[in-house]
N, C-alpha and C. Protein backbone atom coordinates (compact mmCIF):
# COMPACT_ATOMS: atom_id res chain seq x y z
N UNK A 1 -42.13 73.54 30.07
CA UNK A 1 -41.43 73.97 29.12
C UNK A 1 -41.03 72.81 27.99
N UNK A 2 -41.14 72.67 27.10
CA UNK A 2 -40.99 71.67 26.24
C UNK A 2 -39.11 71.68 25.68
N UNK A 3 -38.52 70.88 25.64
CA UNK A 3 -37.16 70.94 25.38
C UNK A 3 -37.00 71.23 23.63
N UNK A 4 -36.07 72.29 23.38
CA UNK A 4 -35.87 72.57 21.99
C UNK A 4 -35.48 71.09 21.24
N UNK A 5 -34.77 70.33 21.82
CA UNK A 5 -34.27 69.22 21.21
C UNK A 5 -35.43 68.11 20.94
N UNK A 6 -36.57 68.43 21.50
CA UNK A 6 -37.85 67.48 21.02
C UNK A 6 -38.74 67.45 20.16
N UNK A 7 -37.86 68.71 19.19
CA UNK A 7 -38.58 69.12 17.98
C UNK A 7 -38.31 68.06 16.92
N UNK A 8 -39.34 67.86 16.49
CA UNK A 8 -39.37 66.57 15.16
C UNK A 8 -38.11 66.89 14.30
N UNK A 9 -37.90 68.05 13.82
CA UNK A 9 -36.69 68.31 13.13
C UNK A 9 -35.58 68.26 13.49
N UNK A 10 -35.25 68.48 14.97
CA UNK A 10 -34.14 68.41 15.67
C UNK A 10 -33.86 66.92 15.89
N UNK A 11 -34.99 65.77 15.92
CA UNK A 11 -34.94 64.73 16.23
C UNK A 11 -34.43 63.86 14.98
N UNK A 12 -34.89 64.62 13.91
CA UNK A 12 -34.67 63.98 12.44
C UNK A 12 -33.05 64.40 12.30
N UNK A 13 -32.71 65.63 12.49
CA UNK A 13 -31.16 65.83 12.41
C UNK A 13 -30.19 64.94 13.02
N UNK A 14 -30.51 64.86 14.11
CA UNK A 14 -29.63 64.23 15.29
C UNK A 14 -29.82 62.28 14.57
N UNK A 15 -30.90 62.02 14.17
CA UNK A 15 -30.77 60.61 13.91
C UNK A 15 -30.11 60.62 12.63
N UNK A 16 -29.87 61.56 11.69
CA UNK A 16 -29.57 61.49 10.43
C UNK A 16 -27.83 61.44 10.67
N UNK A 17 -27.52 62.37 11.56
CA UNK A 17 -26.02 62.14 11.62
C UNK A 17 -25.57 61.18 12.52
N UNK A 18 -26.36 60.35 13.40
CA UNK A 18 -25.83 59.13 13.99
C UNK A 18 -25.80 58.07 13.20
N UNK A 19 -27.00 57.98 12.10
CA UNK A 19 -26.84 56.79 11.12
C UNK A 19 -25.56 57.11 9.99
N UNK A 20 -25.32 58.50 9.83
CA UNK A 20 -24.25 58.71 9.03
C UNK A 20 -22.81 58.35 9.68
N UNK A 21 -22.64 58.51 10.74
CA UNK A 21 -21.61 58.25 11.81
C UNK A 21 -21.60 57.12 12.08
N UNK A 22 -21.97 56.24 11.79
CA UNK A 22 -22.20 54.72 12.15
C UNK A 22 -20.80 54.07 12.63
N UNK A 23 -19.87 54.24 11.50
CA UNK A 23 -18.58 53.72 11.48
C UNK A 23 -17.73 54.45 12.73
N UNK A 24 -17.86 55.47 13.18
CA UNK A 24 -17.31 56.12 14.25
C UNK A 24 -17.27 55.19 15.24
N UNK A 25 -16.15 55.32 16.17
CA UNK A 25 -16.13 54.65 17.40
C UNK A 25 -17.39 55.27 18.46
N UNK A 26 -18.11 54.47 18.97
CA UNK A 26 -19.12 54.84 19.83
C UNK A 26 -19.01 56.12 20.64
N UNK A 27 -17.77 56.07 21.52
CA UNK A 27 -17.67 57.12 22.38
C UNK A 27 -17.31 58.42 21.66
N UNK A 28 -16.70 58.67 20.46
CA UNK A 28 -16.45 59.39 19.47
C UNK A 28 -18.00 59.88 18.86
N UNK A 29 -18.66 58.90 18.63
CA UNK A 29 -19.87 59.37 17.94
C UNK A 29 -21.04 60.02 18.98
N UNK A 30 -20.83 59.34 20.24
CA UNK A 30 -21.86 60.08 21.11
C UNK A 30 -21.46 61.58 21.79
N UNK A 31 -19.99 61.54 21.34
CA UNK A 31 -19.33 62.73 21.85
C UNK A 31 -19.79 64.22 20.85
N UNK A 32 -19.60 63.42 19.66
CA UNK A 32 -20.26 64.63 18.79
C UNK A 32 -21.56 64.53 18.70
N UNK A 33 -22.35 63.69 19.14
CA UNK A 33 -23.70 64.29 19.25
C UNK A 33 -24.33 65.32 20.24
N UNK A 34 -23.84 64.80 21.46
CA UNK A 34 -23.76 65.91 22.62
C UNK A 34 -23.28 67.46 22.22
N UNK A 35 -22.46 67.40 21.37
CA UNK A 35 -21.99 68.73 21.07
C UNK A 35 -22.95 69.23 20.24
N UNK A 36 -23.21 68.37 19.22
CA UNK A 36 -24.46 69.02 18.49
C UNK A 36 -25.91 69.40 19.31
N UNK A 37 -25.97 68.77 20.21
CA UNK A 37 -27.21 68.88 21.00
C UNK A 37 -26.73 70.29 21.68
N UNK A 38 -25.88 70.58 22.32
CA UNK A 38 -25.48 71.58 23.15
C UNK A 38 -25.74 72.90 22.06
N UNK A 39 -25.19 73.05 20.90
CA UNK A 39 -25.31 73.66 19.81
C UNK A 39 -26.71 74.01 19.39
N UNK A 40 -27.69 72.91 19.28
CA UNK A 40 -28.87 73.62 18.82
C UNK A 40 -29.86 73.88 20.06
N UNK A 41 -29.55 73.51 20.96
CA UNK A 41 -30.30 74.09 22.43
C UNK A 41 -29.72 75.30 22.55
N UNK A 42 -28.54 75.63 22.56
CA UNK A 42 -28.24 77.08 22.81
C UNK A 42 -28.63 78.20 21.53
N UNK A 43 -28.57 77.85 20.17
CA UNK A 43 -29.14 78.19 19.19
C UNK A 43 -30.52 78.70 19.34
N UNK A 44 -31.32 77.74 19.54
CA UNK A 44 -32.69 77.54 19.51
C UNK A 44 -33.04 78.70 20.81
N UNK A 45 -32.39 78.31 21.96
CA UNK A 45 -32.37 79.44 23.18
C UNK A 45 -32.50 80.77 22.54
N UNK A 46 -31.51 81.19 21.97
CA UNK A 46 -30.98 82.47 21.77
C UNK A 46 -32.12 83.18 20.93
N UNK A 47 -32.75 82.01 20.05
CA UNK A 47 -33.82 82.68 18.79
C UNK A 47 -35.23 82.85 19.95
N UNK A 48 -35.48 81.92 20.57
CA UNK A 48 -36.69 82.33 21.41
C UNK A 48 -36.97 83.19 22.58
N UNK A 49 -35.33 84.19 22.78
CA UNK A 49 -35.40 85.08 23.72
C UNK A 49 -35.47 85.99 22.79
N UNK A 50 -35.18 86.09 21.54
CA UNK A 50 -34.81 87.41 20.46
C UNK A 50 -36.56 87.49 20.14
N UNK A 51 -37.36 86.65 20.37
CA UNK A 51 -38.62 86.49 19.70
C UNK A 51 -39.59 86.27 20.96
N UNK A 52 -39.70 87.30 21.87
CA UNK A 52 -40.34 86.91 23.11
C UNK A 52 -42.17 86.90 22.95
N UNK A 53 -42.55 87.39 21.80
CA UNK A 53 -43.69 87.53 21.44
C UNK A 53 -43.99 86.25 20.65
N UNK A 54 -43.32 85.34 20.50
CA UNK A 54 -43.78 83.94 19.93
C UNK A 54 -45.11 83.29 20.60
N UNK A 55 -45.80 82.62 19.73
CA UNK A 55 -47.18 81.97 20.41
C UNK A 55 -46.55 81.03 21.46
N UNK A 56 -47.66 80.73 22.43
CA UNK A 56 -47.21 79.94 23.43
C UNK A 56 -47.52 78.55 22.67
N UNK A 57 -46.61 77.35 23.41
CA UNK A 57 -46.75 75.95 22.82
C UNK A 57 -48.13 75.47 23.82
N UNK A 58 -48.25 74.34 23.84
CA UNK A 58 -49.37 73.83 24.55
C UNK A 58 -49.02 73.88 26.04
N UNK A 59 -47.79 73.60 26.18
CA UNK A 59 -47.67 73.67 27.64
C UNK A 59 -47.46 74.96 28.51
N UNK A 60 -47.46 75.96 27.54
CA UNK A 60 -47.60 77.52 28.18
C UNK A 60 -46.39 78.01 27.64
N UNK A 61 -45.24 77.43 27.59
CA UNK A 61 -43.88 77.86 27.04
C UNK A 61 -43.93 78.28 25.61
N UNK A 62 -43.05 79.03 25.26
CA UNK A 62 -42.65 79.53 23.80
C UNK A 62 -42.83 78.36 22.97
N UNK A 63 -43.43 78.63 21.66
CA UNK A 63 -43.43 77.65 20.76
C UNK A 63 -42.44 77.80 19.86
N UNK A 64 -41.53 76.92 19.30
CA UNK A 64 -40.49 76.87 18.59
C UNK A 64 -41.08 76.91 17.03
N UNK A 65 -40.89 78.05 16.30
CA UNK A 65 -41.41 77.56 14.99
C UNK A 65 -40.59 77.03 13.96
N UNK A 66 -41.06 76.04 13.13
CA UNK A 66 -40.45 75.18 12.06
C UNK A 66 -39.23 76.06 11.64
N UNK A 67 -39.50 77.59 11.20
CA UNK A 67 -38.49 78.32 10.34
C UNK A 67 -37.23 78.45 10.90
N UNK A 68 -37.73 78.59 12.14
CA UNK A 68 -36.49 79.39 13.49
C UNK A 68 -35.72 78.00 13.43
N UNK A 69 -36.50 76.77 13.43
CA UNK A 69 -35.57 75.23 13.71
C UNK A 69 -34.57 75.08 12.41
N UNK A 70 -35.24 75.31 11.39
CA UNK A 70 -34.56 75.08 10.17
C UNK A 70 -33.37 76.14 9.92
N UNK A 71 -33.49 77.18 10.41
CA UNK A 71 -32.35 78.15 10.43
C UNK A 71 -31.26 77.95 11.48
N UNK A 72 -31.83 77.56 12.57
CA UNK A 72 -30.85 77.34 13.49
C UNK A 72 -29.97 75.95 12.81
N UNK A 73 -30.72 74.69 12.12
CA UNK A 73 -29.70 73.48 11.84
C UNK A 73 -29.03 73.97 10.67
N UNK A 74 -29.58 75.03 9.83
CA UNK A 74 -28.82 75.10 8.77
C UNK A 74 -27.44 75.87 8.82
N UNK A 75 -27.53 76.69 10.02
CA UNK A 75 -26.37 77.49 10.54
C UNK A 75 -25.28 76.65 11.14
N UNK A 76 -25.89 75.62 11.58
CA UNK A 76 -24.93 74.49 12.30
C UNK A 76 -24.22 73.54 11.29
N UNK A 77 -24.91 73.37 9.84
CA UNK A 77 -24.44 72.78 8.96
C UNK A 77 -25.33 71.45 8.60
N UNK A 78 -25.30 70.87 7.56
CA UNK A 78 -26.00 69.64 6.99
C UNK A 78 -25.57 68.41 7.92
N UNK A 79 -26.55 67.31 8.16
CA UNK A 79 -25.98 65.85 8.42
C UNK A 79 -24.97 65.47 7.59
N UNK A 80 -25.00 65.68 6.34
CA UNK A 80 -23.98 64.95 5.40
C UNK A 80 -22.56 65.48 5.34
N UNK A 81 -22.58 67.24 5.67
CA UNK A 81 -21.08 67.84 6.14
C UNK A 81 -20.76 67.58 7.37
N UNK A 82 -21.45 67.26 8.45
CA UNK A 82 -20.91 66.96 9.89
C UNK A 82 -20.44 65.84 9.79
N UNK A 83 -20.98 64.51 9.31
CA UNK A 83 -20.71 63.32 9.31
C UNK A 83 -19.26 63.21 8.44
N UNK A 84 -19.40 63.96 7.29
CA UNK A 84 -17.93 63.75 6.52
C UNK A 84 -17.16 64.46 7.30
N UNK A 85 -17.31 65.35 7.68
CA UNK A 85 -15.94 66.13 8.64
C UNK A 85 -15.65 65.31 9.78
N UNK A 86 -16.30 64.49 10.51
CA UNK A 86 -16.07 63.52 11.41
C UNK A 86 -15.70 62.23 10.88
N UNK A 87 -15.91 61.83 10.02
CA UNK A 87 -15.45 60.41 9.27
C UNK A 87 -14.00 60.84 8.52
N UNK A 88 -13.87 62.11 8.13
CA UNK A 88 -12.65 62.33 7.66
C UNK A 88 -11.40 62.51 9.00
N UNK A 89 -11.99 63.08 9.95
CA UNK A 89 -10.91 63.17 11.25
C UNK A 89 -10.54 61.90 11.49
N UNK A 90 -11.70 61.04 11.56
CA UNK A 90 -11.36 59.47 12.07
C UNK A 90 -10.20 58.92 11.16
N UNK A 91 -10.64 59.05 9.93
CA UNK A 91 -9.72 58.51 8.99
C UNK A 91 -8.50 58.61 8.77
N UNK A 92 -8.40 60.06 9.30
CA UNK A 92 -6.96 60.79 9.09
C UNK A 92 -6.78 61.63 8.15
N UNK A 93 -8.16 61.90 7.16
CA UNK A 93 -7.73 62.90 5.97
C UNK A 93 -7.72 64.07 6.57
N UNK A 94 -8.11 64.58 7.78
CA UNK A 94 -7.91 65.77 8.31
C UNK A 94 -6.98 65.53 9.46
N UNK A 95 -5.41 66.08 9.51
CA UNK A 95 -4.61 65.48 10.58
C UNK A 95 -5.18 65.84 11.97
N UNK A 96 -5.18 64.66 12.82
CA UNK A 96 -5.74 64.79 14.16
C UNK A 96 -5.10 65.05 15.02
N UNK A 97 -3.69 65.55 14.74
CA UNK A 97 -2.56 65.88 15.51
C UNK A 97 -2.85 66.94 16.30
N UNK A 98 -2.91 66.99 17.78
CA UNK A 98 -2.94 68.28 18.33
C UNK A 98 -2.14 69.36 18.17
N UNK A 99 -2.46 70.71 18.30
CA UNK A 99 -1.88 72.01 18.31
C UNK A 99 -0.98 72.08 19.31
N UNK A 100 0.08 72.85 19.23
CA UNK A 100 0.91 73.28 20.13
C UNK A 100 0.01 74.21 20.81
N UNK A 101 -0.29 74.26 22.32
CA UNK A 101 -1.08 75.24 23.14
C UNK A 101 -0.80 76.54 22.91
N UNK A 102 0.35 77.06 22.76
CA UNK A 102 0.78 78.36 22.32
C UNK A 102 0.04 78.87 20.99
N UNK A 103 -0.03 78.16 19.79
CA UNK A 103 -0.57 78.24 19.00
C UNK A 103 -1.72 78.19 18.81
N UNK A 104 -2.66 77.69 19.56
CA UNK A 104 -4.15 77.68 19.66
C UNK A 104 -4.43 78.97 20.28
N UNK A 105 -3.77 79.15 21.16
CA UNK A 105 -4.14 80.53 22.23
C UNK A 105 -3.76 82.07 21.53
N UNK A 106 -2.77 81.63 20.54
CA UNK A 106 -2.72 83.04 19.65
C UNK A 106 -3.51 83.14 19.00
N UNK A 107 -4.16 82.14 18.07
CA UNK A 107 -5.36 82.35 17.13
C UNK A 107 -6.39 82.46 17.74
N UNK A 108 -6.71 82.06 19.18
CA UNK A 108 -7.91 82.64 19.79
C UNK A 108 -7.87 84.09 20.20
N UNK A 109 -6.79 84.54 20.55
CA UNK A 109 -6.26 85.80 21.24
C UNK A 109 -6.88 86.68 20.09
N UNK A 110 -6.14 86.58 18.56
CA UNK A 110 -6.18 87.30 17.62
C UNK A 110 -7.89 87.44 17.32
N UNK A 111 -8.71 86.23 17.56
CA UNK A 111 -9.87 86.11 17.22
C UNK A 111 -10.93 87.12 17.94
N UNK A 112 -10.34 87.29 19.42
CA UNK A 112 -11.15 88.43 20.06
C UNK A 112 -10.59 89.51 20.21
N UNK A 113 -9.45 89.59 19.47
CA UNK A 113 -8.72 91.10 19.49
C UNK A 113 -9.34 92.12 18.85
N UNK A 114 -10.18 92.12 17.79
CA UNK A 114 -10.55 93.22 16.70
C UNK A 114 -11.23 94.22 17.24
N UNK A 115 -12.39 93.54 18.24
CA UNK A 115 -13.23 94.50 18.85
C UNK A 115 -12.43 95.25 19.85
N UNK A 116 -12.14 94.83 20.98
CA UNK A 116 -11.07 95.85 22.03
C UNK A 116 -9.99 96.83 21.16
N UNK A 117 -9.49 96.34 19.98
CA UNK A 117 -8.65 97.27 19.25
C UNK A 117 -9.10 98.53 18.93
N UNK A 118 -10.93 98.21 18.31
CA UNK A 118 -11.47 99.36 17.95
C UNK A 118 -11.37 100.29 18.90
N UNK A 119 -11.18 100.53 20.10
CA UNK A 119 -11.04 101.26 21.04
C UNK A 119 -9.71 102.12 20.95
N UNK A 120 -9.11 101.62 20.28
CA UNK A 120 -7.48 102.70 20.32
C UNK A 120 -7.82 103.64 19.29
N UNK A 121 -7.67 104.98 19.79
CA UNK A 121 -7.76 106.01 18.99
C UNK A 121 -7.00 106.03 17.33
N UNK A 122 -7.71 106.55 16.44
CA UNK A 122 -6.91 107.01 15.29
C UNK A 122 -6.74 105.60 14.85
N UNK A 123 -5.93 104.38 15.14
CA UNK A 123 -5.39 103.31 14.28
C UNK A 123 -6.17 102.09 15.15
N UNK A 124 -7.43 102.33 15.51
CA UNK A 124 -8.28 100.94 16.09
C UNK A 124 -8.64 100.18 15.28
N UNK A 125 -9.60 100.92 13.96
CA UNK A 125 -9.96 99.82 13.19
C UNK A 125 -9.07 99.32 12.29
N UNK A 126 -8.16 99.70 11.78
CA UNK A 126 -7.27 99.13 10.93
C UNK A 126 -6.34 97.86 11.73
N UNK A 127 -6.21 98.28 12.98
CA UNK A 127 -5.24 97.16 13.77
C UNK A 127 -6.48 95.88 13.92
N UNK A 128 -7.93 95.98 14.04
CA UNK A 128 -8.97 95.18 14.11
C UNK A 128 -8.90 94.50 13.21
N UNK A 129 -8.98 95.23 11.91
CA UNK A 129 -9.22 94.11 10.61
C UNK A 129 -7.70 93.46 10.49
N UNK A 130 -6.54 93.70 10.88
CA UNK A 130 -5.60 92.99 10.79
C UNK A 130 -5.46 91.80 11.67
N UNK A 131 -6.12 92.03 12.74
CA UNK A 131 -6.35 90.98 13.58
C UNK A 131 -6.92 90.03 13.45
N UNK A 132 -8.20 90.28 12.57
CA UNK A 132 -9.51 89.58 12.02
C UNK A 132 -8.89 88.56 11.24
N UNK A 133 -8.07 89.42 10.29
CA UNK A 133 -7.27 88.56 8.88
C UNK A 133 -6.11 87.47 9.50
N UNK A 134 -5.66 88.01 10.76
CA UNK A 134 -4.61 86.77 11.02
C UNK A 134 -5.48 85.87 11.72
N UNK A 135 -6.12 86.18 12.33
CA UNK A 135 -7.30 84.89 13.05
C UNK A 135 -7.45 84.12 12.13
N UNK A 136 -8.57 84.84 11.15
CA UNK A 136 -8.91 83.73 9.98
C UNK A 136 -7.66 82.94 9.34
N UNK A 137 -6.79 83.48 8.89
CA UNK A 137 -5.68 82.86 8.47
C UNK A 137 -5.14 81.65 9.27
N UNK A 138 -4.89 81.97 10.52
CA UNK A 138 -4.26 80.91 11.48
C UNK A 138 -5.44 79.72 11.58
N UNK A 139 -6.80 80.10 11.77
CA UNK A 139 -7.87 79.45 12.00
C UNK A 139 -7.90 78.24 11.00
N UNK A 140 -7.96 78.80 9.65
CA UNK A 140 -8.37 77.87 8.52
C UNK A 140 -6.71 77.01 8.09
N UNK A 141 -5.75 77.60 8.80
CA UNK A 141 -4.63 76.50 8.67
C UNK A 141 -4.23 75.63 9.69
N UNK A 142 -4.97 75.63 10.72
CA UNK A 142 -4.79 74.85 12.00
C UNK A 142 -5.26 73.55 11.79
N UNK A 143 -4.80 72.84 12.59
CA UNK A 143 -5.30 71.18 12.46
C UNK A 143 -6.37 71.07 13.37
N UNK A 144 -6.37 71.35 14.54
CA UNK A 144 -7.35 70.77 15.74
C UNK A 144 -8.71 70.77 15.20
N UNK A 145 -9.33 71.95 14.09
CA UNK A 145 -10.56 72.04 14.07
C UNK A 145 -11.06 71.54 12.52
N UNK A 146 -12.13 70.96 12.82
CA UNK A 146 -13.12 70.42 11.50
C UNK A 146 -13.70 71.64 10.52
N UNK A 147 -13.84 71.41 9.74
CA UNK A 147 -14.36 72.41 8.63
C UNK A 147 -15.48 73.23 9.18
N UNK A 148 -16.48 72.20 9.85
CA UNK A 148 -17.59 72.87 10.32
C UNK A 148 -17.31 73.88 11.67
N UNK A 149 -16.45 73.48 12.40
CA UNK A 149 -15.92 74.56 13.66
C UNK A 149 -15.63 75.89 12.78
N UNK A 150 -14.43 75.45 11.79
CA UNK A 150 -13.69 76.75 11.02
C UNK A 150 -14.87 77.58 10.56
N UNK A 151 -15.57 76.93 10.15
CA UNK A 151 -17.10 77.89 9.60
C UNK A 151 -17.60 78.63 10.26
N UNK A 152 -17.92 78.02 11.49
CA UNK A 152 -18.64 78.80 12.50
C UNK A 152 -18.22 79.47 13.40
N UNK A 153 -16.49 79.44 13.37
CA UNK A 153 -15.80 80.41 14.11
C UNK A 153 -15.55 81.72 13.21
N UNK A 154 -15.64 81.46 12.03
CA UNK A 154 -15.46 82.58 10.79
C UNK A 154 -16.50 83.29 11.14
N UNK A 155 -17.86 82.74 10.98
CA UNK A 155 -18.99 83.81 11.24
C UNK A 155 -18.85 84.51 12.80
N UNK A 156 -18.18 83.83 13.65
CA UNK A 156 -18.10 84.62 14.93
C UNK A 156 -17.14 85.39 14.94
N UNK A 157 -16.10 85.51 14.46
CA UNK A 157 -14.81 86.67 14.02
C UNK A 157 -15.27 87.86 13.28
N UNK A 158 -16.15 87.41 12.29
CA UNK A 158 -16.72 88.48 11.44
C UNK A 158 -17.98 89.10 12.15
N UNK A 159 -18.42 88.81 12.87
CA UNK A 159 -19.71 88.86 13.31
C UNK A 159 -20.22 90.52 13.71
N UNK A 160 -19.04 90.88 14.73
CA UNK A 160 -19.00 92.28 14.97
C UNK A 160 -18.85 93.17 13.61
N UNK A 161 -18.70 92.92 12.34
CA UNK A 161 -18.98 94.05 11.12
C UNK A 161 -20.30 94.00 10.79
N UNK A 162 -21.46 93.33 11.66
CA UNK A 162 -22.82 93.41 11.38
C UNK A 162 -23.27 93.90 12.77
N UNK A 163 -22.80 93.19 13.93
CA UNK A 163 -23.63 93.54 15.06
C UNK A 163 -23.42 95.21 15.74
N UNK A 164 -21.95 95.61 15.42
CA UNK A 164 -21.45 96.80 16.11
C UNK A 164 -22.44 97.75 15.26
N UNK A 165 -22.68 98.06 13.90
CA UNK A 165 -23.61 99.04 13.33
C UNK A 165 -24.89 98.88 13.90
N UNK A 166 -25.30 97.63 13.81
CA UNK A 166 -26.81 97.28 14.16
C UNK A 166 -27.12 97.91 15.71
N UNK A 167 -25.95 97.44 16.35
CA UNK A 167 -26.30 97.85 18.10
C UNK A 167 -26.19 99.41 17.97
N UNK A 168 -25.12 100.00 17.56
CA UNK A 168 -24.90 101.74 17.40
C UNK A 168 -26.10 102.28 16.99
N UNK A 169 -26.79 101.62 16.08
CA UNK A 169 -27.78 102.43 15.47
C UNK A 169 -28.75 102.40 16.41
N UNK A 170 -29.14 101.23 16.93
CA UNK A 170 -30.22 100.79 17.94
C UNK A 170 -30.17 101.76 19.19
N UNK A 171 -28.93 101.77 19.64
CA UNK A 171 -28.38 102.89 20.71
C UNK A 171 -28.91 104.30 20.43
N UNK A 172 -28.68 104.50 19.30
CA UNK A 172 -28.69 105.95 18.76
C UNK A 172 -30.28 106.28 18.83
N UNK A 173 -30.89 105.31 18.11
CA UNK A 173 -32.28 105.78 18.34
C UNK A 173 -32.98 105.88 19.91
N UNK A 174 -32.42 105.06 20.76
CA UNK A 174 -33.08 104.61 21.63
C UNK A 174 -32.66 106.21 22.93
N UNK A 175 -31.51 106.84 22.42
CA UNK A 175 -30.89 107.60 23.01
C UNK A 175 -30.86 108.94 22.45
N UNK A 176 -31.72 109.16 21.36
CA UNK A 176 -31.48 110.24 20.46
C UNK A 176 -30.09 110.83 20.08
N UNK A 177 -29.55 109.49 19.47
CA UNK A 177 -28.05 110.12 18.82
C UNK A 177 -27.01 109.25 19.71
N UNK A 178 -26.07 108.85 18.94
CA UNK A 178 -25.08 107.95 19.46
C UNK A 178 -24.07 108.71 20.12
N UNK A 179 -23.77 108.15 21.42
CA UNK A 179 -22.57 108.97 22.12
C UNK A 179 -21.28 107.93 22.38
N UNK A 180 -20.45 108.69 22.91
CA UNK A 180 -18.95 107.59 22.87
C UNK A 180 -19.50 106.59 23.85
N UNK A 181 -19.96 106.74 24.89
CA UNK A 181 -20.38 105.58 25.92
C UNK A 181 -21.07 104.64 25.18
N UNK A 182 -22.33 105.15 24.24
CA UNK A 182 -23.42 103.84 23.43
C UNK A 182 -22.27 103.48 22.84
N UNK A 183 -21.33 103.86 22.02
CA UNK A 183 -20.51 103.23 20.95
C UNK A 183 -19.58 102.30 21.68
N UNK A 184 -18.98 102.45 23.26
CA UNK A 184 -18.10 101.46 23.77
C UNK A 184 -19.14 100.26 24.09
N UNK A 185 -20.55 101.07 24.62
CA UNK A 185 -21.21 99.60 24.71
C UNK A 185 -21.39 98.79 23.96
N UNK A 186 -21.78 99.19 22.55
CA UNK A 186 -21.84 98.71 21.51
C UNK A 186 -21.01 97.48 21.23
N UNK A 187 -19.68 97.99 21.27
CA UNK A 187 -18.37 97.16 20.96
C UNK A 187 -18.50 95.86 22.13
N UNK A 188 -18.77 96.52 23.52
CA UNK A 188 -18.65 95.24 24.24
C UNK A 188 -19.65 94.46 24.18
N UNK A 189 -20.82 94.53 23.73
CA UNK A 189 -21.92 93.58 23.32
C UNK A 189 -21.22 92.71 22.34
N UNK A 190 -20.86 93.46 21.33
CA UNK A 190 -20.47 92.68 19.94
C UNK A 190 -19.70 91.67 20.08
N UNK A 191 -18.53 92.00 21.22
CA UNK A 191 -17.41 91.00 21.78
C UNK A 191 -18.11 89.53 21.95
N UNK A 192 -19.22 89.56 22.61
CA UNK A 192 -19.77 88.21 23.11
C UNK A 192 -19.59 87.03 21.84
N UNK A 193 -20.28 87.17 20.74
CA UNK A 193 -20.11 86.32 19.94
C UNK A 193 -18.39 86.06 19.82
N UNK A 194 -17.63 86.61 19.54
CA UNK A 194 -16.02 86.26 19.45
C UNK A 194 -15.68 85.54 20.57
N UNK A 195 -16.35 85.80 21.73
CA UNK A 195 -15.52 85.03 22.99
C UNK A 195 -16.21 84.01 23.02
N UNK A 196 -17.53 83.57 22.67
CA UNK A 196 -18.21 82.51 22.80
C UNK A 196 -17.50 81.45 21.67
N UNK A 197 -17.16 82.01 20.44
CA UNK A 197 -16.48 81.07 19.25
C UNK A 197 -15.20 80.89 19.87
N UNK A 198 -14.24 81.69 20.84
CA UNK A 198 -12.90 81.16 20.97
C UNK A 198 -13.41 80.34 22.16
N UNK A 199 -14.10 80.11 23.04
CA UNK A 199 -14.36 79.16 24.08
C UNK A 199 -14.57 77.88 23.58
N UNK A 200 -15.43 77.84 22.59
CA UNK A 200 -15.65 76.34 21.51
C UNK A 200 -14.37 75.97 20.99
N UNK A 201 -13.72 76.47 20.44
CA UNK A 201 -12.66 76.11 19.94
C UNK A 201 -11.41 75.77 20.80
N UNK A 202 -11.39 76.43 21.95
CA UNK A 202 -10.49 76.21 23.09
C UNK A 202 -10.86 75.09 23.77
N UNK A 203 -12.04 74.59 23.84
CA UNK A 203 -12.54 73.40 24.32
C UNK A 203 -12.41 72.17 23.42
N UNK A 204 -12.21 72.33 21.93
CA UNK A 204 -12.30 71.39 21.37
C UNK A 204 -10.72 71.01 21.25
N UNK A 205 -9.75 72.03 21.21
CA UNK A 205 -8.32 71.95 21.11
C UNK A 205 -7.95 71.37 22.20
N UNK A 206 -8.28 71.45 23.29
CA UNK A 206 -8.06 70.85 24.57
C UNK A 206 -8.58 69.67 24.66
N UNK A 207 -9.77 69.11 24.10
CA UNK A 207 -10.54 67.73 24.08
C UNK A 207 -9.33 66.95 23.11
N UNK A 208 -8.90 67.38 22.07
CA UNK A 208 -7.90 66.70 21.10
C UNK A 208 -6.75 66.48 21.61
N UNK A 209 -6.06 67.44 22.63
CA UNK A 209 -4.92 67.07 23.06
C UNK A 209 -4.88 65.87 24.35
N UNK A 210 -6.03 66.18 25.20
CA UNK A 210 -6.45 65.14 26.09
C UNK A 210 -6.47 63.42 25.32
N UNK A 211 -6.97 63.51 24.48
CA UNK A 211 -7.14 62.21 23.61
C UNK A 211 -5.63 61.86 22.77
N UNK A 212 -4.99 62.60 22.47
CA UNK A 212 -3.56 62.52 22.23
C UNK A 212 -2.82 61.36 22.72
N UNK A 213 -2.19 60.42 22.33
CA UNK A 213 -1.67 59.29 22.95
C UNK A 213 0.13 60.12 23.50
């Protein structure tokens, strides 16, 4: 099975980022490219999983359509945006000071709380919306993350607004009506994206603390 990173669009994308970030220290640039490779591979792997009927590639594995590659790259950001964020961080335009670990964990906790709060009878949904709003305010005011990371994290935090109704509708069709266990199951599945986003932000903040003098 061919690697998603071998697609011509992906190679061009990474080469463009590498070229535009030539002013960065080599170690920082390689770390940025490695993070991008992980993001692209994860995005395309998820896409292929969701479309198991894709035509087979020449080696028998699932082919990765150009449109799906473009969609994954658009979601990650343009090379210009990624390079601008990285160069701004390196030049000091975006404060590189690491955040207090307690502040980081408060932001990440608020980011994953909305879905569990929806299970609280009566007041769960309003509490979940308040937690999501608090997470987004703290996220965009925090120093450890670049704009690209904040945009992606915003999508992760808000994703249950789309995934919960879609999952609930799918389960209701599959089981001839939505039940309480099915609704709870849809909430738990929808929690996956906010958790993934929180893990990525935690890793980024921890890396910045390690690099601090």
